[in-house]
N, C-alpha and C. Protein backbone atom coordinates (compact mmCIF):
# COMPACT_ATOMS: atom_id res chain seq x y z
N UNK A 1 19.05 -0.80 -13.40
CA UNK A 1 19.09 -1.79 -11.91
C UNK A 1 20.07 -2.72 -12.48
N UNK A 2 20.93 -3.18 -11.70
CA UNK A 2 21.50 -4.40 -11.76
C UNK A 2 20.81 -5.61 -11.66
N UNK A 3 21.29 -6.71 -12.02
CA UNK A 3 20.62 -8.09 -12.10
C UNK A 3 20.49 -8.28 -10.51
N UNK A 4 21.60 -7.75 -9.64
CA UNK A 4 21.34 -8.31 -8.21
C UNK A 4 20.60 -7.40 -7.61
N UNK A 5 20.63 -5.89 -8.02
CA UNK A 5 19.83 -4.91 -7.42
C UNK A 5 18.34 -5.23 -7.79
N UNK A 6 17.92 -5.79 -8.86
CA UNK A 6 16.30 -6.53 -9.22
C UNK A 6 15.98 -7.37 -8.52
N UNK A 7 16.90 -8.38 -8.26
CA UNK A 7 16.73 -9.56 -7.34
C UNK A 7 16.52 -9.03 -5.91
N UNK A 8 17.20 -8.19 -5.48
CA UNK A 8 16.97 -7.91 -3.94
C UNK A 8 15.76 -7.10 -3.89
N UNK A 9 15.22 -6.33 -4.85
CA UNK A 9 14.14 -5.63 -5.15
C UNK A 9 12.98 -6.48 -5.01
N UNK A 10 13.07 -7.44 -5.64
CA UNK A 10 11.89 -8.74 -5.69
C UNK A 10 11.91 -9.36 -4.43
N UNK A 11 13.10 -9.98 -3.94
CA UNK A 11 12.93 -10.47 -2.53
C UNK A 11 12.20 -9.43 -1.42
N UNK A 12 12.54 -8.07 -1.32
CA UNK A 12 12.21 -7.46 -0.35
C UNK A 12 10.71 -7.11 -0.74
N UNK A 13 10.10 -7.23 -1.93
CA UNK A 13 8.70 -6.93 -2.12
C UNK A 13 8.03 -8.19 -1.80
N UNK A 14 8.56 -9.46 -1.85
CA UNK A 14 8.00 -10.49 -1.39
C UNK A 14 8.16 -11.02 -0.26
N UNK A 15 8.98 -10.14 0.44
CA UNK A 15 9.18 -10.25 2.13
C UNK A 15 8.01 -9.46 2.69
N UNK A 16 7.66 -8.08 2.21
CA UNK A 16 6.76 -7.19 2.53
C UNK A 16 5.25 -7.96 2.54
N UNK A 17 4.85 -8.64 1.24
CA UNK A 17 3.91 -9.28 0.97
C UNK A 17 3.54 -10.29 2.26
N UNK A 18 4.57 -11.21 2.37
CA UNK A 18 4.57 -12.22 3.44
C UNK A 18 4.38 -11.54 4.87
N UNK A 19 4.82 -10.46 5.14
CA UNK A 19 4.78 -9.69 6.36
C UNK A 19 3.33 -9.27 6.59
N UNK A 20 2.91 -8.65 5.42
CA UNK A 20 1.60 -8.11 5.45
C UNK A 20 0.51 -9.04 6.04
N UNK A 21 0.55 -10.23 5.06
CA UNK A 21 -0.33 -11.34 5.26
C UNK A 21 -0.21 -11.78 6.58
N UNK A 22 0.90 -12.19 7.05
CA UNK A 22 1.09 -12.60 8.33
C UNK A 22 0.52 -11.67 9.65
N UNK A 23 0.70 -10.68 9.37
CA UNK A 23 0.27 -9.67 10.53
C UNK A 23 -1.18 -9.47 10.53
N UNK A 24 -1.83 -9.96 9.13
CA UNK A 24 -3.22 -9.74 9.13
C UNK A 24 -3.93 -11.02 9.63
N UNK A 25 -3.09 -11.99 9.69
CA UNK A 25 -3.39 -13.50 10.09
C UNK A 25 -4.07 -14.47 9.18
N UNK A 26 -3.43 -14.16 7.95
CA UNK A 26 -3.64 -14.85 6.72
C UNK A 26 -2.53 -15.87 6.41
N UNK A 27 -2.79 -16.86 5.71
CA UNK A 27 -2.00 -18.01 5.53
C UNK A 27 -2.02 -17.81 3.91
N UNK A 28 -0.59 -17.44 3.25
CA UNK A 28 -0.75 -17.60 2.00
C UNK A 28 -0.55 -18.83 1.13
N UNK A 29 -0.25 -19.78 1.88
CA UNK A 29 -0.11 -21.34 1.53
C UNK A 29 -1.34 -21.88 1.44
N UNK A 30 -2.22 -21.46 2.42
CA UNK A 30 -3.68 -22.11 2.56
C UNK A 30 -4.48 -20.98 2.11
N UNK A 31 -4.23 -19.74 1.19
CA UNK A 31 -5.39 -19.01 0.72
C UNK A 31 -5.67 -18.27 1.92
N UNK A 32 -6.94 -17.74 1.92
CA UNK A 32 -7.12 -16.81 3.07
C UNK A 32 -7.61 -17.19 4.43
N UNK A 33 -7.37 -18.64 4.57
CA UNK A 33 -7.74 -19.45 5.82
C UNK A 33 -7.17 -18.36 6.83
N UNK A 34 -7.92 -18.16 8.04
CA UNK A 34 -7.39 -17.47 9.30
C UNK A 34 -6.68 -18.54 10.06
N UNK A 35 -5.56 -18.55 10.51
CA UNK A 35 -4.92 -19.36 11.37
C UNK A 35 -4.14 -18.61 12.55
N UNK A 36 -4.41 -17.25 12.67
CA UNK A 36 -3.87 -16.56 13.99
C UNK A 36 -4.65 -15.04 14.13
N UNK A 37 -4.57 -14.74 15.25
CA UNK A 37 -5.06 -13.20 15.31
C UNK A 37 -4.23 -12.22 14.63
N UNK A 38 -4.38 -11.54 13.79
CA UNK A 38 -3.36 -10.41 13.24
C UNK A 38 -3.06 -9.46 13.95
N UNK A 39 -1.95 -9.03 13.55
CA UNK A 39 -1.14 -7.78 14.43
C UNK A 39 -1.58 -6.63 13.60
N UNK A 40 -2.04 -5.70 14.63
CA UNK A 40 -2.64 -4.32 14.07
C UNK A 40 -1.71 -3.12 14.83
N UNK A 41 -1.48 -2.06 14.20
CA UNK A 41 -0.93 -0.84 14.59
C UNK A 41 -2.00 0.03 14.75
N UNK A 42 -1.80 1.12 15.27
CA UNK A 42 -2.60 2.28 15.86
C UNK A 42 -2.69 2.88 14.28
N UNK A 43 -2.00 2.77 13.45
CA UNK A 43 -2.09 3.70 12.08
C UNK A 43 -3.17 2.71 11.06
N UNK A 44 -3.07 1.27 11.26
CA UNK A 44 -3.49 0.15 10.49
C UNK A 44 -5.16 0.83 9.75
N UNK A 45 -5.93 1.01 10.84
CA UNK A 45 -7.15 1.20 10.48
C UNK A 45 -7.33 2.29 9.68
N UNK A 46 -6.70 3.53 10.03
CA UNK A 46 -7.03 4.64 9.42
C UNK A 46 -6.47 4.71 8.08
N UNK A 47 -5.15 3.88 7.60
CA UNK A 47 -5.01 3.60 6.42
C UNK A 47 -6.06 2.86 5.64
N UNK A 48 -6.60 1.98 5.95
CA UNK A 48 -7.81 0.89 5.50
C UNK A 48 -8.63 2.11 5.08
N UNK A 49 -9.56 2.92 6.19
CA UNK A 49 -10.28 3.80 5.93
C UNK A 49 -10.04 4.95 4.85
N UNK A 50 -8.76 5.26 4.92
CA UNK A 50 -8.29 6.38 3.78
C UNK A 50 -8.48 5.43 2.18
N UNK A 51 -8.17 4.11 2.20
CA UNK A 51 -8.49 3.48 0.86
C UNK A 51 -10.01 3.37 0.61
N UNK A 52 -10.71 2.96 1.68
CA UNK A 52 -12.33 3.12 1.39
C UNK A 52 -12.53 4.05 0.59
N UNK A 53 -12.26 5.31 1.01
CA UNK A 53 -12.74 6.35 0.40
C UNK A 53 -12.16 7.01 -0.92
N UNK A 54 -11.06 6.39 -1.41
CA UNK A 54 -10.24 6.50 -2.43
C UNK A 54 -10.94 6.26 -3.77
N UNK A 55 -10.76 6.82 -4.84
CA UNK A 55 -11.24 6.42 -6.14
C UNK A 55 -10.62 5.33 -6.81
N UNK A 56 -9.36 4.95 -6.28
CA UNK A 56 -8.62 3.66 -6.76
C UNK A 56 -8.90 2.55 -6.01
N UNK A 57 -9.86 2.18 -5.18
CA UNK A 57 -10.12 1.00 -4.44
C UNK A 57 -10.84 0.22 -5.45
N UNK A 58 -11.06 -1.13 -5.22
CA UNK A 58 -11.83 -1.93 -5.64
C UNK A 58 -12.12 -3.13 -4.77
N UNK A 59 -13.27 -3.64 -4.89
CA UNK A 59 -13.62 -4.81 -4.14
C UNK A 59 -13.75 -6.22 -5.19
N UNK A 60 -12.88 -7.24 -4.68
CA UNK A 60 -12.86 -8.21 -5.55
C UNK A 60 -13.04 -9.56 -4.76
N UNK A 61 -13.45 -10.53 -5.62
CA UNK A 61 -12.93 -11.87 -4.66
C UNK A 61 -11.56 -12.32 -5.16
N UNK A 62 -11.06 -13.27 -4.26
CA UNK A 62 -9.92 -13.94 -4.32
C UNK A 62 -9.64 -14.29 -5.78
N UNK A 63 -10.85 -15.17 -6.46
CA UNK A 63 -10.93 -15.58 -7.59
C UNK A 63 -10.53 -14.74 -8.58
N UNK A 64 -11.54 -13.52 -8.70
CA UNK A 64 -11.09 -12.56 -9.59
C UNK A 64 -9.74 -11.71 -9.43
N UNK A 65 -9.09 -11.62 -8.40
CA UNK A 65 -7.81 -11.07 -8.49
C UNK A 65 -6.77 -11.95 -9.06
N UNK A 66 -7.21 -13.43 -8.59
CA UNK A 66 -6.06 -14.38 -9.33
C UNK A 66 -6.43 -14.54 -10.80
N UNK A 67 -7.58 -14.39 -11.37
CA UNK A 67 -7.99 -14.47 -12.72
C UNK A 67 -7.14 -13.26 -13.36
N UNK A 68 -7.09 -12.22 -12.82
CA UNK A 68 -6.65 -11.00 -13.21
C UNK A 68 -4.95 -11.05 -13.21
N UNK A 69 -4.48 -11.80 -12.03
CA UNK A 69 -3.06 -11.88 -12.36
C UNK A 69 -2.61 -13.07 -13.34
N UNK A 70 -3.45 -13.78 -13.53
CA UNK A 70 -2.90 -14.84 -14.65
C UNK A 70 -3.13 -14.43 -16.03
N UNK A 71 -4.29 -13.70 -15.95
CA UNK A 71 -4.39 -12.84 -17.42
C UNK A 71 -3.33 -11.94 -17.84
N UNK A 72 -2.49 -11.17 -16.84
CA UNK A 72 -1.22 -10.35 -17.11
C UNK A 72 -0.05 -10.98 -16.56
N UNK A 73 0.05 -12.52 -16.76
CA UNK A 73 1.13 -13.27 -16.19
C UNK A 73 2.30 -12.62 -16.50
N UNK A 74 2.72 -12.70 -17.30
CA UNK A 74 4.46 -12.11 -17.62
C UNK A 74 4.62 -10.99 -17.35
N UNK A 75 3.75 -9.87 -17.51
CA UNK A 75 3.81 -8.43 -17.06
C UNK A 75 3.76 -8.49 -15.72
N UNK A 76 3.18 -9.24 -14.84
CA UNK A 76 3.09 -9.27 -13.45
C UNK A 76 4.39 -9.83 -12.77
N UNK A 77 5.17 -10.68 -13.52
CA UNK A 77 6.08 -11.24 -13.15
C UNK A 77 7.69 -10.43 -13.35
N UNK A 78 7.68 -9.63 -14.78
CA UNK A 78 8.54 -8.83 -14.87
C UNK A 78 8.50 -7.78 -14.13
N UNK A 79 7.26 -7.26 -14.09
CA UNK A 79 7.20 -5.74 -13.00
C UNK A 79 6.81 -6.02 -11.48
N UNK A 80 7.14 -7.34 -11.01
CA UNK A 80 6.55 -7.91 -9.60
C UNK A 80 7.02 -6.54 -8.53
N UNK A 81 8.25 -5.72 -8.60
CA UNK A 81 8.14 -4.51 -7.73
C UNK A 81 7.60 -3.34 -8.34
N UNK A 82 7.06 -3.27 -9.59
CA UNK A 82 6.59 -2.05 -9.97
C UNK A 82 5.16 -2.19 -10.76
N UNK A 83 4.18 -2.86 -10.08
CA UNK A 83 2.67 -3.39 -10.41
C UNK A 83 1.99 -2.00 -10.79
N UNK A 84 2.59 -1.04 -10.43
CA UNK A 84 1.71 0.37 -10.82
C UNK A 84 1.94 0.49 -12.62
N UNK A 85 2.82 -0.04 -12.99
CA UNK A 85 2.94 -0.12 -14.50
C UNK A 85 1.91 -0.84 -15.57
N UNK A 86 1.32 -1.69 -14.64
CA UNK A 86 0.33 -2.63 -15.32
C UNK A 86 -1.05 -2.00 -15.44
N UNK A 87 -1.87 -2.48 -16.10
CA UNK A 87 -3.35 -1.95 -16.45
C UNK A 87 -4.13 -1.82 -14.85
N UNK A 88 -4.65 -0.76 -14.74
CA UNK A 88 -5.48 -0.89 -13.43
C UNK A 88 -6.49 -2.09 -13.20
N UNK A 89 -6.67 -2.59 -12.08
CA UNK A 89 -7.37 -3.57 -11.73
C UNK A 89 -8.96 -3.09 -12.01
N UNK A 90 -9.88 -4.19 -12.35
CA UNK A 90 -11.32 -3.48 -12.72
C UNK A 90 -11.94 -2.85 -11.51
N UNK A 91 -12.94 -2.14 -11.77
CA UNK A 91 -13.47 -1.21 -10.43
C UNK A 91 -14.89 -2.19 -10.25
N UNK A 92 -14.98 -2.62 -8.87
CA UNK A 92 -16.07 -3.11 -8.57
C UNK A 92 -16.52 -2.46 -7.14
N UNK A 93 -17.74 -2.47 -6.89
CA UNK A 93 -18.30 -2.36 -5.57
C UNK A 93 -18.46 -3.17 -4.64
N UNK A 94 -18.36 -3.05 -3.36
CA UNK A 94 -18.56 -3.95 -2.51
C UNK A 94 -20.14 -4.43 -2.39
N UNK A 95 -20.03 -6.12 -2.33
CA UNK A 95 -21.32 -6.46 -2.25
C UNK A 95 -21.29 -7.85 -1.27
N UNK A 96 -22.08 -8.68 -1.21
CA UNK A 96 -21.93 -9.78 -0.61
C UNK A 96 -20.89 -10.84 -1.15
N UNK A 97 -20.77 -10.78 -2.53
CA UNK A 97 -19.65 -11.40 -3.00
C UNK A 97 -18.40 -11.08 -2.89
N UNK A 98 -18.29 -9.76 -3.18
CA UNK A 98 -17.00 -9.01 -3.20
C UNK A 98 -16.70 -8.16 -1.86
N UNK A 99 -15.72 -8.99 -0.98
CA UNK A 99 -15.54 -8.37 0.18
C UNK A 99 -14.11 -8.42 0.57
N UNK A 100 -13.36 -8.07 -0.52
CA UNK A 100 -11.82 -8.09 -0.27
C UNK A 100 -11.43 -6.62 -1.07
N UNK A 101 -10.87 -5.91 -0.18
CA UNK A 101 -10.36 -4.43 -0.81
C UNK A 101 -8.93 -4.59 -1.19
N UNK A 102 -8.93 -4.24 -2.68
CA UNK A 102 -7.51 -3.95 -3.45
C UNK A 102 -7.29 -2.82 -3.91
N UNK A 103 -6.21 -2.44 -4.06
CA UNK A 103 -5.55 -0.87 -4.64
C UNK A 103 -5.77 -1.32 -6.29
N UNK A 104 -6.42 -0.64 -6.94
CA UNK A 104 -6.61 -0.70 -8.49
C UNK A 104 -4.98 -0.29 -8.95
N UNK A 105 -4.41 0.61 -8.39
CA UNK A 105 -3.20 1.32 -8.89
C UNK A 105 -1.98 0.02 -8.48
N UNK A 106 -2.01 -0.06 -7.09
CA UNK A 106 -0.43 -1.12 -7.09
C UNK A 106 -0.76 -2.41 -6.83
N UNK A 107 -2.09 -2.67 -6.83
CA UNK A 107 -2.72 -4.26 -7.13
C UNK A 107 -2.26 -4.85 -5.75
N UNK A 108 -2.24 -4.02 -4.53
CA UNK A 108 -1.99 -4.71 -3.36
C UNK A 108 -3.56 -4.93 -2.68
N UNK A 109 -3.51 -5.94 -1.63
CA UNK A 109 -4.54 -6.25 -0.58
C UNK A 109 -4.37 -5.25 0.26
N UNK A 110 -5.54 -4.53 0.11
CA UNK A 110 -5.10 -3.16 1.08
C UNK A 110 -5.00 -3.57 2.71
N UNK A 111 -5.69 -4.55 3.28
CA UNK A 111 -5.52 -5.15 4.53
C UNK A 111 -4.39 -5.25 4.93
N UNK A 112 -3.74 -6.21 4.33
CA UNK A 112 -2.17 -6.76 4.33
C UNK A 112 -1.44 -5.50 4.19
N UNK A 113 -1.50 -4.88 3.08
CA UNK A 113 -0.21 -3.81 2.92
C UNK A 113 -0.45 -2.68 4.04
N UNK A 114 -1.57 -2.56 4.56
CA UNK A 114 -1.78 -1.36 5.82
C UNK A 114 -1.01 -2.02 7.08
N UNK A 115 -0.68 -3.00 7.11
CA UNK A 115 -0.15 -3.45 8.39
C UNK A 115 1.56 -3.47 8.22
N UNK A 116 2.04 -3.09 7.02
CA UNK A 116 3.38 -3.11 6.88
C UNK A 116 3.89 -1.60 6.96
N UNK A 117 4.69 -1.21 8.18
CA UNK A 117 5.09 0.12 8.13
C UNK A 117 5.60 0.76 7.16
N UNK A 118 6.74 0.13 6.32
CA UNK A 118 7.39 0.85 5.20
C UNK A 118 6.89 0.83 4.05
N UNK A 119 5.57 0.58 3.93
CA UNK A 119 4.91 0.58 2.73
C UNK A 119 3.98 1.59 2.71
N UNK A 120 4.00 2.25 1.53
CA UNK A 120 2.87 3.45 1.23
C UNK A 120 2.23 3.52 0.31
N UNK A 121 1.24 4.44 0.38
CA UNK A 121 0.00 4.48 -0.63
C UNK A 121 0.76 4.99 -1.82
N UNK A 122 0.52 4.47 -3.24
CA UNK A 122 1.34 4.90 -4.25
C UNK A 122 0.60 6.50 -4.44
N UNK A 123 -0.29 6.66 -4.18
CA UNK A 123 -1.14 8.36 -4.35
C UNK A 123 -0.70 9.03 -3.15
N UNK A 124 0.14 8.53 -2.14
CA UNK A 124 0.75 9.70 -1.15
C UNK A 124 -0.21 9.87 -0.24
N UNK A 125 -1.39 8.73 -0.08
CA UNK A 125 -2.28 9.32 1.01
C UNK A 125 -2.18 8.82 2.38
N UNK A 126 -1.24 8.03 2.40
CA UNK A 126 -0.58 7.32 3.83
C UNK A 126 0.93 6.74 3.56
């Protein structure tokens, strides 16, 4: 991929992340503070339920996820559009502390990704 092609892919990925968070009603700049009722489509809940049952889901806190990103810093930056190349996120079960659903494979926050029409499951489940 050319330099310009890579830059476009990074910008497109960043745009998808912002769109997903905005539709969920989350503010990236203020962490996970709720500031609006999120946009949900008829397929959003089905996508999330599919991920609940997937072997590649994990429940993490925002701090655990941020720590993983920092631990893999340069690799995250250089592979921003292909995070599947990085090691899997650690596997955690949902509990009172861990209530945020992530994909171990693509490293996405599932409730946000499920709201973006042109994003797909890396395992082709949706």
